[in-house]
């Protein structure tokens, strides 16, 4: 999660720097926040520790976006960026507050409800997470939707033991984004719990190609092999799991 969130922050920061370079406008608090994120992405605080003795680039970004939030024309984007930063810092409650503010200021951007749902789910608030994912899907343009929202609904159903619903949601997520590892892993888990072991193996073997070091994937792949009577394959999966520190 941290790597994916940091990638989003870096892309947004790079785009902002391009815009700043092509315009003659003065630096806004929003611009300063993006600039600080570039410093963080470039690890300038590690290369030049003396220059960042008092404030890290992330702290500088939080300060700049915090000021931008108070300005009407920058409040929405700054709230979103603070939500992403606090997601990266693994502070879901604070991130949630900023995502909710962004949603309030930008009601047409229904996709943010998927991010809101993720934070609710992270805090174990499954009912609110489900509601948020459904809001994201309801606001999808035309007949489209977002894989993240379908995945979120699948994860909620999986947590509740509603495996048929989880299977359906994960399949919809993969229709939208066929390389979505978490959705494929979730589908494999749901299939295992439904007793559909051959299908679970097929799905989890593809997931293994995507991320061979995933402990959860190896655990469920081993269990699925075991349940299907494939003892040699199960032993190999469990051996690999043990090598990676996941036990058996």
Protein backbone atom coordinates (compact mmCIF):
# COMPACT_ATOMS: atom_id res chain seq x y z
CA UNK A 1 0.00 0.00 0.00
CA UNK A 2 2.77 2.43 0.93
CA UNK A 3 4.59 1.85 -2.38
CA UNK A 4 1.43 2.32 -4.43
CA UNK A 5 0.47 5.50 -2.56
CA UNK A 6 3.98 6.90 -2.90
CA UNK A 7 3.88 6.26 -6.65
CA UNK A 8 0.65 8.26 -6.90
CA UNK A 9 2.20 11.10 -4.90
CA UNK A 10 5.30 11.11 -7.10
CA UNK A 11 3.31 11.21 -10.35
CA UNK A 12 1.20 14.09 -9.08
CA UNK A 13 4.28 15.95 -7.89
CA UNK A 14 6.00 15.52 -11.26
CA UNK A 15 2.96 16.75 -13.15
CA UNK A 16 2.76 19.77 -10.88
CA UNK A 17 6.44 20.58 -11.42
CA UNK A 18 5.92 20.52 -15.19
CA UNK A 19 3.02 22.93 -14.89
CA UNK A 20 5.05 25.25 -12.65
CA UNK A 21 7.94 25.21 -15.11
CA UNK A 22 5.66 26.20 -17.98
CA UNK A 23 3.94 29.09 -16.21
CA UNK A 24 5.16 32.34 -14.78
CA UNK A 25 2.82 32.34 -11.79
CA UNK A 26 4.20 32.72 -8.29
CA UNK A 27 4.62 29.67 -6.08
CA UNK A 28 1.42 28.80 -4.20
CA UNK A 29 1.15 26.71 -1.05
CA UNK A 30 -0.15 23.90 -3.25
CA UNK A 31 2.91 24.19 -5.50
CA UNK A 32 5.19 24.21 -2.45
CA UNK A 33 3.59 20.99 -1.25
CA UNK A 34 4.21 19.26 -4.57
CA UNK A 35 7.77 20.53 -4.60
CA UNK A 36 8.35 19.05 -1.14
CA UNK A 37 7.03 15.71 -2.37
CA UNK A 38 9.58 15.81 -5.18
CA UNK A 39 12.29 16.37 -2.56
CA UNK A 40 11.00 13.31 -0.70
CA UNK A 41 10.85 11.18 -3.85
CA UNK A 42 14.42 12.19 -4.72
CA UNK A 43 15.51 11.42 -1.12
CA UNK A 44 17.20 14.77 -0.85
CA UNK A 45 16.94 14.61 2.92
CA UNK A 46 19.20 11.54 2.82
CA UNK A 47 21.68 13.12 0.42
CA UNK A 48 21.73 16.52 2.15
CA UNK A 49 20.74 15.89 5.79
CA UNK A 50 22.02 19.29 6.95
CA UNK A 51 19.56 21.07 4.67
CA UNK A 52 16.63 19.16 6.16
CA UNK A 53 17.72 19.09 9.79
CA UNK A 54 14.59 20.84 11.08
CA UNK A 55 11.94 19.55 8.67
CA UNK A 56 11.74 16.46 6.50
CA UNK A 57 10.29 16.86 2.99
CA UNK A 58 7.13 15.05 4.09
CA UNK A 59 6.72 17.46 7.01
CA UNK A 60 7.24 20.36 4.61
CA UNK A 61 4.58 18.95 2.27
CA UNK A 62 2.11 18.53 5.13
CA UNK A 63 2.75 22.10 6.25
CA UNK A 64 2.31 23.51 2.74
CA UNK A 65 -0.83 21.53 1.94
CA UNK A 66 -2.17 22.37 5.40
CA UNK A 67 -1.92 26.05 4.50
CA UNK A 68 -3.44 25.42 1.06
CA UNK A 69 -6.46 23.72 2.66
CA UNK A 70 -7.39 27.10 4.17
CA UNK A 71 -7.51 28.75 0.74
CA UNK A 72 -10.79 28.32 -1.11
CA UNK A 73 -9.29 27.77 -4.56
CA UNK A 74 -6.80 25.16 -3.31
CA UNK A 75 -8.76 23.42 -0.54
CA UNK A 76 -10.03 20.48 -2.58
CA UNK A 77 -6.75 19.41 -4.16
CA UNK A 78 -4.83 20.05 -0.95
CA UNK A 79 -7.28 17.88 1.00
CA UNK A 80 -6.79 15.04 -1.48
CA UNK A 81 -3.01 15.32 -1.25
CA UNK A 82 -3.09 15.30 2.54
CA UNK A 83 -5.31 12.23 2.40
CA UNK A 84 -2.76 10.48 0.19
CA UNK A 85 0.15 11.54 2.40
CA UNK A 86 -1.51 10.29 5.58
CA UNK A 87 -2.42 7.05 3.79
CA UNK A 88 1.27 6.68 2.97
CA UNK A 89 2.11 7.40 6.62
CA UNK A 90 -0.39 4.70 7.67
CA UNK A 91 -2.64 7.08 9.59
CA UNK A 92 -6.04 6.02 8.21
CA UNK A 93 -8.16 8.15 10.54
CA UNK A 94 -6.44 11.39 9.55
CA UNK A 95 -6.40 10.37 5.88
CA UNK A 96 -10.13 9.64 6.08
CA UNK A 97 -10.90 13.14 7.38
CA UNK A 98 -9.16 14.74 4.40
CA UNK A 99 -10.74 12.39 1.85
CA UNK A 100 -14.16 13.19 3.31
CA UNK A 101 -13.45 16.90 2.96
CA UNK A 102 -12.37 16.42 -0.65
CA UNK A 103 -15.60 14.49 -1.31
CA UNK A 104 -17.63 17.30 0.23
CA UNK A 105 -15.90 19.92 -1.91
CA UNK A 106 -15.99 17.80 -5.08
CA UNK A 107 -19.23 15.78 -5.07
CA UNK A 108 -18.85 15.00 -8.77
CA UNK A 109 -15.65 13.01 -8.10
CA UNK A 110 -17.32 9.83 -6.89
CA UNK A 111 -14.11 7.80 -7.28
CA UNK A 112 -12.79 9.23 -4.01
CA UNK A 113 -15.37 7.13 -2.16
CA UNK A 114 -13.28 4.06 -3.03
CA UNK A 115 -10.37 5.62 -1.12
CA UNK A 116 -12.75 6.49 1.71
CA UNK A 117 -13.95 2.89 1.76
CA UNK A 118 -10.38 1.63 1.98
CA UNK A 119 -9.73 3.73 5.06
CA UNK A 120 -12.96 2.61 6.75
CA UNK A 121 -12.05 -1.01 5.98
CA UNK A 122 -8.56 -0.50 7.36
CA UNK A 123 -10.13 0.63 10.64
CA UNK A 124 -12.53 -2.31 10.71
CA UNK A 125 -15.62 -0.20 10.01
CA UNK A 126 -17.04 -2.58 7.42
CA UNK A 127 -20.56 -1.17 7.15
CA UNK A 128 -19.25 2.30 6.34
CA UNK A 129 -16.66 0.82 3.99
CA UNK A 130 -19.36 -1.04 2.06
CA UNK A 131 -21.49 2.10 1.83
CA UNK A 132 -18.53 4.08 0.48
CA UNK A 133 -17.66 1.49 -2.16
CA UNK A 134 -21.28 1.47 -3.34
CA UNK A 135 -21.23 5.26 -3.57
CA UNK A 136 -18.15 5.00 -5.78
CA UNK A 137 -19.86 2.50 -8.07
CA UNK A 138 -23.09 4.50 -8.19
CA UNK A 139 -21.16 7.52 -9.44
CA UNK A 140 -19.34 5.62 -12.18
CA UNK A 141 -19.69 7.26 -15.62
CA UNK A 142 -21.94 5.46 -18.13
CA UNK A 143 -21.79 1.69 -17.57
CA UNK A 144 -18.22 1.75 -16.28
CA UNK A 145 -17.06 1.35 -12.73
CA UNK A 146 -13.87 1.20 -10.71
CA UNK A 147 -11.99 -1.98 -10.03
CA UNK A 148 -10.96 -0.64 -6.63
CA UNK A 149 -14.58 -0.32 -5.49
CA UNK A 150 -15.46 -3.83 -6.66
CA UNK A 151 -12.35 -5.12 -4.91
CA UNK A 152 -13.35 -3.29 -1.75
CA UNK A 153 -16.80 -4.87 -1.75
CA UNK A 154 -15.16 -8.24 -2.28
CA UNK A 155 -12.79 -7.70 0.63
CA UNK A 156 -15.67 -6.70 2.91
CA UNK A 157 -17.65 -9.79 1.88
CA UNK A 158 -14.59 -12.01 2.40
CA UNK A 159 -14.10 -10.60 5.89
CA UNK A 160 -17.74 -11.36 6.68
CA UNK A 161 -17.52 -14.91 5.36
CA UNK A 162 -19.85 -14.13 2.44
CA UNK A 163 -17.75 -16.04 -0.05
CA UNK A 164 -20.15 -16.16 -3.01
CA UNK A 165 -20.57 -12.38 -2.88
CA UNK A 166 -16.81 -11.97 -2.51
CA UNK A 167 -16.21 -14.16 -5.57
CA UNK A 168 -18.59 -12.09 -7.68
CA UNK A 169 -17.05 -8.77 -6.64
CA UNK A 170 -13.48 -9.93 -7.21
CA UNK A 171 -14.42 -11.23 -10.66
CA UNK A 172 -15.89 -7.83 -11.53
CA UNK A 173 -12.72 -6.13 -10.31
CA UNK A 174 -10.62 -8.35 -12.56
CA UNK A 175 -12.86 -7.58 -15.53
CA UNK A 176 -11.97 -3.93 -15.00
CA UNK A 177 -8.26 -4.51 -14.27
CA UNK A 178 -6.97 -7.96 -15.21
CA UNK A 179 -3.56 -7.41 -13.57
CA UNK A 180 -5.06 -6.47 -10.18
CA UNK A 181 -3.12 -8.82 -7.89
CA UNK A 182 -5.12 -8.16 -4.72
CA UNK A 183 -8.38 -8.92 -6.54
CA UNK A 184 -6.94 -12.15 -7.96
CA UNK A 185 -5.70 -13.18 -4.53
CA UNK A 186 -9.10 -12.41 -3.02
CA UNK A 187 -10.81 -14.46 -5.72
CA UNK A 188 -8.52 -17.39 -4.97
CA UNK A 189 -9.32 -17.12 -1.26
CA UNK A 190 -13.06 -17.00 -1.93
CA UNK A 191 -12.87 -20.03 -4.24
CA UNK A 192 -10.94 -21.98 -1.62
CA UNK A 193 -13.54 -21.26 1.05
CA UNK A 194 -16.29 -22.25 -1.39
CA UNK A 195 -14.58 -25.62 -1.88
CA UNK A 196 -13.82 -24.91 -5.53
CA UNK A 197 -10.23 -26.05 -5.17
CA UNK A 198 -9.31 -26.59 -8.82
CA UNK A 199 -10.51 -23.11 -9.73
CA UNK A 200 -8.71 -21.68 -6.71
CA UNK A 201 -5.47 -23.32 -7.84
CA UNK A 202 -5.86 -21.93 -11.35
CA UNK A 203 -6.39 -18.41 -10.02
CA UNK A 204 -3.69 -18.57 -7.37
CA UNK A 205 -1.10 -19.96 -9.78
CA UNK A 206 -1.56 -16.84 -11.90
CA UNK A 207 -1.29 -14.73 -8.73
CA UNK A 208 1.95 -16.58 -7.97
CA UNK A 209 3.36 -15.41 -11.30
CA UNK A 210 2.40 -11.84 -10.43
CA UNK A 211 3.85 -11.79 -6.92
CA UNK A 212 5.74 -14.99 -6.01
CA UNK A 213 6.73 -13.71 -2.56
CA UNK A 214 3.21 -13.08 -1.25
CA UNK A 215 2.82 -15.06 1.97
CA UNK A 216 -0.98 -15.10 1.88
CA UNK A 217 -0.96 -16.31 -1.72
CA UNK A 218 1.46 -19.14 -0.89
CA UNK A 219 -0.59 -20.14 2.15
CA UNK A 220 -3.83 -20.40 0.18
CA UNK A 221 -2.11 -22.04 -2.78
CA UNK A 222 -0.69 -24.68 -0.43
CA UNK A 223 -4.06 -25.24 1.22
CA UNK A 224 -5.76 -25.51 -2.18
CA UNK A 225 -3.21 -28.05 -3.44
CA UNK A 226 -3.64 -30.00 -0.21
CA UNK A 227 -7.43 -30.00 -0.46
CA UNK A 228 -7.23 -31.14 -4.09
CA UNK A 229 -4.98 -34.06 -3.12
CA UNK A 230 -1.86 -32.62 -4.77
CA UNK A 231 0.51 -33.34 -1.90
CA UNK A 232 3.79 -32.71 -3.74
CA UNK A 233 2.68 -29.28 -4.97
CA UNK A 234 1.32 -28.45 -1.52
CA UNK A 235 4.63 -29.37 0.11
CA UNK A 236 6.52 -27.19 -2.36
CA UNK A 237 4.23 -24.22 -1.64
CA UNK A 238 4.58 -24.67 2.13
CA UNK A 239 8.36 -25.05 1.83
CA UNK A 240 8.54 -21.80 -0.08
CA UNK A 241 6.30 -20.17 2.51
CA UNK A 242 8.64 -21.31 5.28
CA UNK A 243 11.67 -19.98 3.37
CA UNK A 244 10.04 -16.56 3.25
CA UNK A 245 9.29 -16.62 6.97
CA UNK A 246 5.59 -17.36 6.78
CA UNK A 247 5.57 -20.67 8.60
CA UNK A 248 3.11 -23.37 7.68
